[in-house]
Amino acid sequence: MNADGRRTEDALELLSAPAEWDLPPERHLHHKDVLMQQIDQDLGNAAAEAPAPTPARAPRRRLTRPALLVPLASTVLAGALALTLTGPGAGSGPTPADRAATGGAHARNAAVTLHRIAVVAMAADATPVRDDQFVYVRSLTVSNKGTFEGPIRLGAPHTLETWTSQDPRPLTTTGWMRESGKDAVMPDETIPIESTAAVPAGIDHPTYTWLSSLPTDPDALLTVLRREVRVSDGESREQAVFSLIGDLLSQTLMPPRNTAALYKAAARIPGVKEIPDAVDVAGRHGIGITREDASSATRDEWIFDKHSLAFLGARGFITHDKQKGITSDTLTGSIAVLQRAVVDRHGERAAGADS
């Protein structure tokens, strides 16, 4: 059997594994994307099943969104989520009636808060990054361990480390990831983040240099993001842009002026609101900035420190599902960013990272 056939067989074996080894259906875990991409490549049907705007575009990482909206390449992964919710971090946000009653004030507060956060971001020290280096991010995450046909069952919080290549050339391996701790997938193994086609620096390979080239005028930046973002089935473009901004904030390093521009751009997205108190998976309380998408029945939430206004993490929710009886926010995943740094090679931990 050749190498491609062996990888395909291995991928299918993983996809049919028992529930405890099933890969968590959250956007920050690329494992299923990578496996399905390999299957598509081997079977020669990627173009038919998962068309992309350009041949070189790879699926975008989304950290905290439910699996129902992940643009995977096979109906093997399709399934519905049920109401049952267990595990750490379980909880609900405000009800639809609560949000409707205070929506106007929360929207105004969100714009003011995002501008305050932008001012703080602009004043931060820049961390220069060379093209031959990697951006290292260490996070604490919790995600759905339940099967696609069964209930949402949150696993234990565990560590996720990522190394994003800053090489601007088209790459098939744009980074690496490693999980550790209880309920980690493939614990302590460093796994490549791959695409079947070479991906240049851009939305799907956001290097420091590329991010620094983006417009710093918020309206011009929104125009670029709306044009470039990949929109999942059933999702509004505005929600896709909000999610993309959250991904960039949680997974990258960029010049302060570009970080500030992203916050100002987010303030211009219709439907963005503030939550006075939100908590990340590490138990840190902060201010929540959120957007609910009626068309996809999801809600994304970013969390910021109440005093320093630093980005802490994010949470994702399903807001309703009549078929499954979901009538209020159901947590599907959460991430807390603990450390960012620049390192010279993938697999290298920054000073202060857990050993």
Protein backbone atom coordinates (compact mmCIF):
# COMPACT_ATOMS: atom_id res chain seq x y z
CA MET A 1 0.00 0.00 0.00
CA ASN A 2 1.38 3.44 -0.89
CA ALA A 3 1.77 6.31 1.59
CA ASP A 4 -1.39 8.13 0.48
CA GLY A 5 -3.43 4.95 0.84
CA ARG A 6 -2.03 4.34 4.31
CA ARG A 7 -2.88 7.90 5.42
CA THR A 8 -6.41 7.57 4.08
CA GLU A 9 -6.90 4.27 5.91
CA ASP A 10 -5.55 5.82 9.11
CA ALA A 11 -7.89 8.79 8.71
CA LEU A 12 -10.94 6.60 8.23
CA GLU A 13 -9.96 4.52 11.24
CA LEU A 14 -9.78 7.65 13.40
CA LEU A 15 -13.15 8.88 12.17
CA SER A 16 -14.78 5.57 13.08
CA ALA A 17 -13.07 5.31 16.47
CA PRO A 18 -15.06 5.09 19.73
CA ALA A 19 -16.51 8.31 21.15
CA GLU A 20 -13.74 8.79 23.67
CA TRP A 21 -11.22 9.07 20.81
CA ASP A 22 -13.50 11.04 18.49
CA LEU A 23 -11.99 14.41 17.62
CA PRO A 24 -13.68 17.35 19.37
CA PRO A 25 -15.90 19.26 16.93
CA GLU A 26 -14.60 22.77 17.64
CA ARG A 27 -13.06 25.15 15.20
CA HIS A 28 -9.77 25.39 17.03
CA LEU A 29 -9.10 21.67 16.45
CA HIS A 30 -7.98 21.09 12.89
CA HIS A 31 -7.66 17.36 13.22
CA LYS A 32 -10.86 16.48 11.40
CA ASP A 33 -10.25 19.13 8.75
CA VAL A 34 -6.79 17.70 8.13
CA LEU A 35 -8.04 14.12 7.98
CA MET A 36 -10.89 14.93 5.63
CA GLN A 37 -8.61 17.01 3.42
CA GLN A 38 -6.30 14.02 3.09
CA ILE A 39 -9.22 11.77 2.18
CA ASP A 40 -10.38 14.29 -0.41
CA GLN A 41 -6.91 14.50 -1.87
CA ASP A 42 -6.53 10.73 -2.09
CA LEU A 43 -9.95 10.24 -3.65
CA GLY A 44 -9.56 13.19 -5.98
CA ASN A 45 -12.89 14.77 -5.06
CA ALA A 46 -11.92 17.84 -3.04
CA ALA A 47 -13.10 20.21 -5.74
CA ALA A 48 -16.52 18.59 -5.95
CA GLU A 49 -17.18 18.37 -2.22
CA ALA A 50 -15.51 21.48 -0.83
CA PRO A 51 -15.11 24.16 -3.49
CA ALA A 52 -13.02 27.14 -2.44
CA PRO A 53 -12.95 30.69 -3.77
CA THR A 54 -9.40 30.14 -5.00
CA PRO A 55 -7.44 26.91 -5.53
CA ALA A 56 -4.93 27.75 -2.82
CA ARG A 57 -7.35 28.66 -0.04
CA ALA A 58 -7.37 26.45 3.04
CA PRO A 59 -10.18 26.14 5.60
CA ARG A 60 -10.08 28.91 8.19
CA ARG A 61 -9.63 28.01 11.82
CA ARG A 62 -12.54 28.86 14.05
CA LEU A 63 -11.94 28.21 17.65
CA THR A 64 -15.19 28.15 19.46
CA ARG A 65 -17.98 27.49 16.99
CA PRO A 66 -20.22 24.40 16.97
CA ALA A 67 -19.45 21.52 14.64
CA LEU A 68 -22.69 22.01 12.74
CA LEU A 69 -21.16 25.05 11.07
CA VAL A 70 -17.67 23.76 10.36
CA PRO A 71 -17.23 23.64 6.56
CA LEU A 72 -15.87 20.09 6.45
CA ALA A 73 -15.60 18.19 3.20
CA SER A 74 -17.70 15.11 3.94
CA THR A 75 -21.22 14.30 5.06
CA VAL A 76 -19.66 11.60 7.24
CA LEU A 77 -19.27 14.35 9.85
CA ALA A 78 -22.83 15.67 9.62
CA GLY A 79 -25.08 15.34 12.65
CA ALA A 80 -27.30 17.18 15.08
CA LEU A 81 -26.55 18.35 18.59
CA ALA A 82 -28.90 17.53 21.46
CA LEU A 83 -29.70 19.55 24.54
CA THR A 84 -27.90 17.55 27.24
CA LEU A 85 -24.94 19.52 28.56
CA THR A 86 -22.45 18.31 31.15
CA GLY A 87 -18.90 19.02 32.17
CA PRO A 88 -16.83 22.05 33.24
CA GLY A 89 -17.85 25.42 31.94
CA ALA A 90 -21.47 24.41 31.41
CA GLY A 91 -23.84 27.31 31.62
CA SER A 92 -26.11 29.66 29.76
CA GLY A 93 -25.95 33.29 28.84
CA PRO A 94 -28.82 35.76 28.88
CA THR A 95 -32.12 34.59 27.38
CA PRO A 96 -33.36 36.03 24.06
CA ALA A 97 -35.91 38.13 25.95
CA ASP A 98 -33.21 39.55 28.23
CA ARG A 99 -31.02 40.43 25.27
CA ALA A 100 -33.89 42.04 23.38
CA ALA A 101 -34.87 44.19 26.35
CA THR A 102 -31.41 45.70 26.75
CA GLY A 103 -30.04 45.34 23.22
CA GLY A 104 -29.82 49.04 22.39
CA ALA A 105 -27.87 49.98 25.49
CA HIS A 106 -25.58 46.99 25.15
CA ALA A 107 -24.85 47.88 21.53
CA ARG A 108 -23.88 51.43 22.50
CA ASN A 109 -21.77 50.14 25.36
CA ALA A 110 -20.01 47.69 23.04
CA ALA A 111 -18.94 50.44 20.65
CA VAL A 112 -17.58 52.56 23.49
CA THR A 113 -15.80 49.60 25.10
CA LEU A 114 -14.25 48.43 21.82
CA HIS A 115 -12.88 51.91 21.22
CA ARG A 116 -11.39 51.93 24.75
CA ILE A 117 -9.84 48.53 24.04
CA ALA A 118 -8.45 49.88 20.75
CA VAL A 119 -6.78 52.79 22.53
CA VAL A 120 -5.12 50.40 24.98
CA ALA A 121 -4.03 48.11 22.15
CA MET A 122 -2.49 51.00 20.25
CA ALA A 123 -0.37 51.92 23.27
CA ALA A 124 1.06 48.39 23.65
CA ASP A 125 4.65 47.58 22.77
CA ALA A 126 5.16 45.93 19.40
CA THR A 127 6.65 42.43 19.23
CA PRO A 128 8.59 42.17 15.97
CA VAL A 129 8.47 38.82 14.20
CA ARG A 130 10.81 37.57 11.46
CA ASP A 131 9.63 35.56 8.50
CA ASP A 132 11.70 32.56 9.63
CA GLN A 133 10.10 32.42 13.08
CA PHE A 134 6.89 31.03 14.60
CA VAL A 135 4.18 32.67 16.69
CA TYR A 136 3.61 30.50 19.76
CA VAL A 137 0.25 30.61 21.57
CA ARG A 138 -0.54 28.56 24.68
CA SER A 139 -4.21 28.31 25.63
CA LEU A 140 -6.53 26.45 27.95
CA THR A 141 -9.48 25.01 26.10
CA VAL A 142 -12.61 22.95 26.62
CA SER A 143 -14.61 21.45 23.79
CA ASN A 144 -17.38 19.06 22.91
CA LYS A 145 -16.53 15.38 23.40
CA GLY A 146 -19.99 14.16 22.51
CA THR A 147 -20.70 12.37 19.26
CA PHE A 148 -22.20 14.26 16.35
CA GLU A 149 -25.47 12.37 16.67
CA GLY A 150 -25.61 12.67 20.45
CA PRO A 151 -25.62 15.39 23.12
CA ILE A 152 -23.10 18.13 23.74
CA ARG A 153 -20.73 16.81 26.40
CA LEU A 154 -17.92 19.14 27.37
CA GLY A 155 -14.61 17.50 28.22
CA ALA A 156 -12.08 18.60 30.80
CA PRO A 157 -10.08 21.81 30.25
CA HIS A 158 -6.71 21.01 28.72
CA THR A 159 -3.74 22.80 27.20
CA LEU A 160 -3.52 23.66 23.50
CA GLU A 161 -0.25 24.94 22.02
CA THR A 162 0.08 26.24 18.46
CA TRP A 163 3.05 27.31 16.38
CA THR A 164 2.09 29.41 13.34
CA SER A 165 4.70 29.71 10.60
CA GLN A 166 5.57 33.24 9.56
CA ASP A 167 7.01 32.13 6.23
CA PRO A 168 5.11 34.17 3.60
CA ARG A 169 5.65 31.62 0.85
CA PRO A 170 2.79 29.29 -0.15
CA LEU A 171 2.86 26.41 2.36
CA THR A 172 0.98 23.15 2.75
CA THR A 173 1.97 23.05 6.44
CA THR A 174 1.14 26.45 7.91
CA GLY A 175 1.73 25.53 11.55
CA TRP A 176 1.77 22.88 14.25
CA MET A 177 -0.33 22.11 17.30
CA ARG A 178 -0.05 20.04 20.46
CA GLU A 179 -2.55 19.22 23.22
CA SER A 180 -1.86 17.91 26.69
CA GLY A 181 -3.89 17.02 29.75
CA LYS A 182 -7.08 15.09 30.36
CA ASP A 183 -9.35 14.89 27.32
CA ALA A 184 -6.62 16.12 24.99
CA VAL A 185 -6.73 14.67 21.50
CA MET A 186 -3.58 12.72 20.60
CA PRO A 187 -1.99 13.96 23.86
CA ASP A 188 1.53 15.36 23.71
CA GLU A 189 1.87 14.70 19.98
CA THR A 190 2.93 17.61 17.79
CA ILE A 191 0.58 17.56 14.79
CA PRO A 192 0.96 19.54 11.55
CA ILE A 193 -1.77 21.96 10.47
CA GLU A 194 -2.00 21.11 6.79
CA SER A 195 -3.80 21.98 3.60
CA THR A 196 -4.10 20.00 0.39
CA ALA A 197 -3.04 23.11 -1.55
CA ALA A 198 -0.20 25.53 -0.83
CA VAL A 199 -1.47 28.56 1.11
CA PRO A 200 0.28 31.94 0.78
CA ALA A 201 0.30 34.56 3.51
CA GLY A 202 -3.24 35.88 3.87
CA ILE A 203 -6.54 35.27 5.65
CA ASP A 204 -5.84 31.54 5.89
CA HIS A 205 -2.16 31.98 6.73
CA PRO A 206 -2.07 35.21 8.77
CA THR A 207 1.59 36.11 9.20
CA TYR A 208 2.80 39.14 11.12
CA THR A 209 4.00 40.76 7.90
CA TRP A 210 0.69 40.19 6.15
CA LEU A 211 -1.31 41.44 9.12
CA SER A 212 0.83 44.59 9.21
CA SER A 213 -0.12 45.24 5.56
CA LEU A 214 -3.86 45.41 6.29
CA PRO A 215 -5.62 48.79 6.27
CA THR A 216 -5.71 50.55 9.61
CA ASP A 217 -8.80 52.53 8.66
CA PRO A 218 -11.64 50.45 10.16
CA ASP A 219 -14.03 50.88 7.23
CA ALA A 220 -11.36 49.92 4.70
CA LEU A 221 -10.37 46.98 6.89
CA LEU A 222 -13.98 45.77 7.06
CA THR A 223 -14.18 45.91 3.29
CA VAL A 224 -11.14 43.64 3.02
CA LEU A 225 -12.40 41.20 5.64
CA ARG A 226 -15.88 40.99 4.11
CA ARG A 227 -14.33 40.22 0.74
CA GLU A 228 -11.86 37.62 1.98
CA VAL A 229 -13.79 35.79 4.70
CA ARG A 230 -15.14 32.29 4.11
CA VAL A 231 -18.84 32.08 5.02
CA SER A 232 -20.15 28.75 6.31
CA ASP A 233 -23.51 27.36 5.29
CA GLY A 234 -26.32 29.11 7.17
CA GLU A 235 -24.02 31.79 8.54
CA SER A 236 -24.32 35.50 7.82
CA ARG A 237 -21.31 37.31 6.37
CA GLU A 238 -21.31 39.71 9.32
CA GLN A 239 -21.02 36.80 11.76
CA ALA A 240 -18.26 35.24 9.68
CA VAL A 241 -16.31 38.52 9.85
CA PHE A 242 -16.87 38.81 13.61
CA SER A 243 -15.64 35.23 14.03
CA LEU A 244 -12.62 35.89 11.81
CA ILE A 245 -11.61 38.91 13.87
CA GLY A 246 -11.87 36.77 17.01
CA ASP A 247 -9.64 34.14 15.41
CA LEU A 248 -7.00 36.73 14.56
CA LEU A 249 -7.13 38.21 18.05
CA SER A 250 -6.70 34.82 19.73
CA GLN A 251 -4.21 33.10 17.43
CA THR A 252 -1.77 35.71 16.17
CA LEU A 253 0.60 38.53 16.98
CA MET A 254 0.40 41.75 15.00
CA PRO A 255 1.51 45.40 15.25
CA PRO A 256 -0.49 47.42 17.80
CA ARG A 257 -2.00 49.65 15.11
CA ASN A 258 -3.50 46.63 13.36
CA THR A 259 -4.88 45.19 16.58
CA ALA A 260 -6.51 48.54 17.32
CA ALA A 261 -7.98 48.65 13.81
CA LEU A 262 -9.57 45.22 14.26
CA TYR A 263 -11.32 46.38 17.45
CA LYS A 264 -12.56 49.54 15.73
CA ALA A 265 -13.77 47.47 12.78
CA ALA A 266 -15.62 45.11 15.13
CA ALA A 267 -17.41 48.11 16.65
CA ARG A 268 -18.90 48.82 13.21
CA ILE A 269 -20.39 45.35 12.74
CA PRO A 270 -24.18 45.45 13.27
CA GLY A 271 -25.44 43.42 16.22
CA VAL A 272 -22.31 43.57 18.39
CA LYS A 273 -23.19 43.98 22.08
CA GLU A 274 -21.56 44.12 25.49
CA ILE A 275 -22.07 41.73 28.40
CA PRO A 276 -21.04 43.21 31.77
CA ASP A 277 -19.63 39.95 33.12
CA ALA A 278 -18.29 36.94 31.25
CA VAL A 279 -15.91 34.17 32.33
CA ASP A 280 -13.38 32.21 30.30
CA VAL A 281 -12.45 28.55 30.76
CA ALA A 282 -9.62 29.55 33.11
CA GLY A 283 -12.18 31.12 35.46
CA ARG A 284 -11.16 34.70 34.71
CA HIS A 285 -14.03 37.17 34.78
CA GLY A 286 -14.14 40.05 32.34
CA ILE A 287 -16.21 42.17 29.99
CA GLY A 288 -17.89 40.25 27.17
CA ILE A 289 -18.23 41.49 23.60
CA THR A 290 -20.68 39.30 21.73
CA ARG A 291 -22.64 38.88 18.54
CA GLU A 292 -25.59 36.56 18.01
CA ASP A 293 -26.37 35.31 14.52
CA ALA A 294 -30.04 34.52 13.96
CA SER A 295 -29.45 32.75 10.66
CA SER A 296 -27.04 30.19 12.13
CA ALA A 297 -28.45 30.15 15.69
CA THR A 298 -25.02 30.77 17.19
CA ARG A 299 -23.41 33.35 19.43
CA ASP A 300 -19.71 34.22 19.65
CA GLU A 301 -18.27 35.95 22.70
CA TRP A 302 -14.90 37.59 23.34
CA ILE A 303 -13.76 38.23 26.92
CA PHE A 304 -11.53 41.11 28.09
CA ASP A 305 -9.97 41.89 31.45
CA LYS A 306 -12.09 44.50 33.23
CA HIS A 307 -9.09 46.55 34.31
CA SER A 308 -6.35 46.14 31.69
CA LEU A 309 -8.79 45.45 28.81
CA ALA A 310 -6.45 42.71 27.60
CA PHE A 311 -7.97 39.94 25.49
CA LEU A 312 -8.56 36.89 27.71
CA GLY A 313 -10.40 34.37 25.58
CA ALA A 314 -13.58 33.41 23.79
CA ARG A 315 -16.68 31.24 24.07
CA GLY A 316 -19.12 29.81 21.54
CA PHE A 317 -22.80 28.98 21.98
CA ILE A 318 -25.73 27.47 20.13
CA THR A 319 -28.63 29.79 20.87
CA HIS A 320 -31.55 27.61 19.79
CA ASP A 321 -32.46 24.44 17.96
CA LYS A 322 -36.18 23.67 17.84
CA GLN A 323 -35.64 20.11 16.68
CA LYS A 324 -33.49 19.34 19.70
CA GLY A 325 -35.32 21.52 22.19
CA ILE A 326 -32.57 24.09 22.70
CA THR A 327 -34.25 27.33 23.73
CA SER A 328 -31.38 29.25 25.36
CA ASP A 329 -27.61 29.55 25.04
CA THR A 330 -25.82 26.19 25.13
CA LEU A 331 -22.06 26.38 25.52
CA THR A 332 -20.16 24.45 22.84
CA GLY A 333 -16.58 25.45 23.62
CA SER A 334 -14.32 27.95 25.34
CA ILE A 335 -10.71 29.02 25.12
CA ALA A 336 -8.48 31.12 27.39
CA VAL A 337 -5.28 32.56 25.94
CA LEU A 338 -2.51 32.19 28.52
CA GLN A 339 0.67 33.09 26.64
CA ARG A 340 1.89 34.46 23.31
CA ALA A 341 5.49 34.60 22.19
CA VAL A 342 7.84 34.37 19.24
CA VAL A 343 10.06 31.29 18.91
CA ASP A 344 12.60 30.15 16.37
CA ARG A 345 11.21 26.68 15.63
CA HIS A 346 7.99 24.73 15.98
CA GLY A 347 7.79 22.61 19.10
CA GLU A 348 9.84 25.15 21.05
CA ARG A 349 8.12 26.44 24.17
CA ALA A 350 8.41 30.04 25.21
CA ALA A 351 9.89 30.92 28.58
CA GLY A 352 7.31 30.35 31.31
CA ALA A 353 5.29 27.77 29.39
CA ASP A 354 4.31 24.58 31.19
CA SER A 355 6.91 21.86 30.81
